[in-house]
Amino acid sequence: MKSCDIRHIEDKDSFRWKWVHQRDDGTLEESPESYGLFYECVVAARECGFEPQLKTH
């Protein structure tokens, strides 16, 4: 699996989530959809063959 990051994006008065990964040529590719819940975004990334890099504190 290739790694990706989960990022928040502004959406009106709130925000949504997208996964982003770096292609072999160095360009960034965002998920085609945005997600209202962080967990939905993680699941969608995994379904597309990516493993989100989750930070733990």
N, C-alpha and C. Protein backbone atom coordinates (compact mmCIF):
# COMPACT_ATOMS: atom_id res chain seq x y z
N MET A 1 0.84 -1.19 0.00
CA MET A 1 0.00 0.00 0.00
C MET A 1 0.88 1.25 0.00
N LYS A 2 0.43 2.24 -0.74
CA LYS A 2 1.12 3.52 -0.73
C LYS A 2 0.58 4.36 0.43
N SER A 3 1.41 5.23 0.95
CA SER A 3 0.97 6.05 2.07
C SER A 3 0.28 7.32 1.56
N CYS A 4 -0.54 7.88 2.43
CA CYS A 4 -1.21 9.15 2.13
C CYS A 4 -1.41 9.91 3.44
N ASP A 5 -1.79 11.16 3.30
CA ASP A 5 -2.11 12.01 4.44
C ASP A 5 -3.58 12.36 4.38
N ILE A 6 -4.16 12.59 5.54
CA ILE A 6 -5.53 13.06 5.64
C ILE A 6 -5.46 14.55 5.98
N ARG A 7 -6.15 15.36 5.20
CA ARG A 7 -6.11 16.81 5.41
C ARG A 7 -7.52 17.37 5.48
N HIS A 8 -7.66 18.43 6.27
CA HIS A 8 -8.97 19.09 6.31
C HIS A 8 -8.98 20.20 5.28
N ILE A 9 -10.15 20.45 4.73
CA ILE A 9 -10.34 21.52 3.75
C ILE A 9 -11.53 22.36 4.20
N GLU A 10 -11.46 23.65 3.92
CA GLU A 10 -12.56 24.53 4.29
C GLU A 10 -13.79 24.22 3.44
N ASP A 11 -14.95 24.31 4.07
CA ASP A 11 -16.21 24.08 3.38
C ASP A 11 -17.28 24.95 4.02
N LYS A 12 -17.56 26.06 3.39
CA LYS A 12 -18.53 27.03 3.90
C LYS A 12 -18.12 27.48 5.30
N ASP A 13 -18.93 27.21 6.31
CA ASP A 13 -18.59 27.64 7.67
C ASP A 13 -17.98 26.52 8.50
N SER A 14 -17.56 25.45 7.84
CA SER A 14 -17.03 24.28 8.54
C SER A 14 -15.84 23.75 7.76
N PHE A 15 -15.60 22.46 7.87
CA PHE A 15 -14.55 21.83 7.08
C PHE A 15 -14.92 20.38 6.79
N ARG A 16 -14.22 19.80 5.82
CA ARG A 16 -14.39 18.40 5.44
C ARG A 16 -13.00 17.79 5.33
N TRP A 17 -12.91 16.53 4.98
CA TRP A 17 -11.64 15.79 4.93
C TRP A 17 -11.38 15.24 3.54
N LYS A 18 -10.10 15.25 3.12
CA LYS A 18 -9.65 14.62 1.88
C LYS A 18 -8.36 13.88 2.17
N TRP A 19 -8.13 12.80 1.43
CA TRP A 19 -6.83 12.16 1.51
C TRP A 19 -5.99 12.64 0.33
N VAL A 20 -4.69 12.74 0.55
CA VAL A 20 -3.76 13.25 -0.45
C VAL A 20 -2.54 12.34 -0.48
N HIS A 21 -2.09 12.00 -1.69
CA HIS A 21 -0.85 11.21 -1.79
C HIS A 21 0.05 11.80 -2.86
N GLN A 22 1.34 11.47 -2.75
CA GLN A 22 2.32 11.96 -3.70
C GLN A 22 2.55 10.91 -4.77
N ARG A 23 2.35 11.30 -6.02
CA ARG A 23 2.57 10.40 -7.15
C ARG A 23 4.07 10.16 -7.35
N ASP A 24 4.40 9.21 -8.18
CA ASP A 24 5.80 8.90 -8.47
C ASP A 24 6.54 10.08 -9.08
N ASP A 25 5.82 10.95 -9.81
CA ASP A 25 6.48 12.11 -10.43
C ASP A 25 6.58 13.31 -9.48
N GLY A 26 6.12 13.13 -8.22
CA GLY A 26 6.25 14.18 -7.21
C GLY A 26 5.03 15.08 -7.07
N THR A 27 4.07 14.98 -7.97
CA THR A 27 2.88 15.81 -7.86
C THR A 27 1.92 15.21 -6.83
N LEU A 28 1.08 16.05 -6.26
CA LEU A 28 0.11 15.61 -5.26
C LEU A 28 -1.23 15.31 -5.92
N GLU A 29 -1.87 14.27 -5.47
CA GLU A 29 -3.19 13.91 -5.95
C GLU A 29 -4.14 13.86 -4.76
N GLU A 30 -5.25 14.57 -4.86
CA GLU A 30 -6.27 14.57 -3.81
C GLU A 30 -7.36 13.56 -4.14
N SER A 31 -8.04 13.11 -3.11
CA SER A 31 -9.19 12.25 -3.33
C SER A 31 -10.24 13.02 -4.14
N PRO A 32 -10.97 12.32 -5.00
CA PRO A 32 -11.97 13.01 -5.81
C PRO A 32 -13.15 13.53 -4.98
N GLU A 33 -13.38 12.93 -3.83
CA GLU A 33 -14.48 13.35 -2.96
C GLU A 33 -13.93 13.90 -1.66
N SER A 34 -14.76 14.66 -0.96
CA SER A 34 -14.43 15.07 0.40
C SER A 34 -15.41 14.37 1.34
N TYR A 35 -15.04 14.26 2.59
CA TYR A 35 -15.81 13.48 3.56
C TYR A 35 -16.11 14.31 4.79
N GLY A 36 -17.32 14.14 5.31
CA GLY A 36 -17.75 14.89 6.48
C GLY A 36 -17.10 14.41 7.77
N LEU A 37 -16.73 13.14 7.80
CA LEU A 37 -16.12 12.56 9.00
C LEU A 37 -14.71 12.07 8.69
N PHE A 38 -13.79 12.29 9.62
CA PHE A 38 -12.41 11.84 9.47
C PHE A 38 -12.35 10.36 9.17
N TYR A 39 -13.10 9.56 9.92
CA TYR A 39 -13.08 8.11 9.75
C TYR A 39 -13.54 7.70 8.36
N GLU A 40 -14.54 8.38 7.80
CA GLU A 40 -14.99 8.07 6.44
C GLU A 40 -13.86 8.26 5.43
N CYS A 41 -13.07 9.29 5.65
CA CYS A 41 -11.95 9.58 4.76
C CYS A 41 -10.88 8.50 4.87
N VAL A 42 -10.58 8.06 6.07
CA VAL A 42 -9.59 6.99 6.28
C VAL A 42 -10.05 5.71 5.58
N VAL A 43 -11.30 5.34 5.75
CA VAL A 43 -11.84 4.13 5.12
C VAL A 43 -11.78 4.24 3.60
N ALA A 44 -12.14 5.40 3.05
CA ALA A 44 -12.13 5.59 1.60
C ALA A 44 -10.70 5.49 1.05
N ALA A 45 -9.74 6.05 1.75
CA ALA A 45 -8.35 5.96 1.32
C ALA A 45 -7.89 4.51 1.28
N ARG A 46 -8.22 3.76 2.31
CA ARG A 46 -7.83 2.35 2.35
C ARG A 46 -8.51 1.55 1.24
N GLU A 47 -9.75 1.87 0.94
CA GLU A 47 -10.45 1.18 -0.15
C GLU A 47 -9.80 1.45 -1.50
N CYS A 48 -9.10 2.58 -1.62
CA CYS A 48 -8.41 2.93 -2.87
C CYS A 48 -6.96 2.46 -2.87
N GLY A 49 -6.55 1.71 -1.84
CA GLY A 49 -5.20 1.15 -1.81
C GLY A 49 -4.16 2.00 -1.13
N PHE A 50 -4.58 2.97 -0.32
CA PHE A 50 -3.64 3.84 0.39
C PHE A 50 -3.74 3.60 1.89
N GLU A 51 -2.64 3.82 2.59
CA GLU A 51 -2.62 3.69 4.04
C GLU A 51 -2.34 5.07 4.65
N PRO A 52 -3.35 5.66 5.29
CA PRO A 52 -3.16 6.97 5.91
C PRO A 52 -2.09 6.93 7.01
N GLN A 53 -1.26 7.95 7.02
CA GLN A 53 -0.24 8.09 8.05
C GLN A 53 -0.86 8.86 9.21
N LEU A 54 -1.29 8.13 10.21
CA LEU A 54 -1.99 8.73 11.35
C LEU A 54 -0.99 9.07 12.43
N LYS A 55 -1.09 10.28 12.92
CA LYS A 55 -0.20 10.73 13.99
C LYS A 55 -0.80 10.39 15.33
N THR A 56 0.01 9.88 16.22
CA THR A 56 -0.45 9.60 17.58
C THR A 56 0.30 10.50 18.54
N HIS A 57 -0.38 10.93 19.56
CA HIS A 57 0.24 11.82 20.55
C HIS A 57 0.41 11.12 21.85
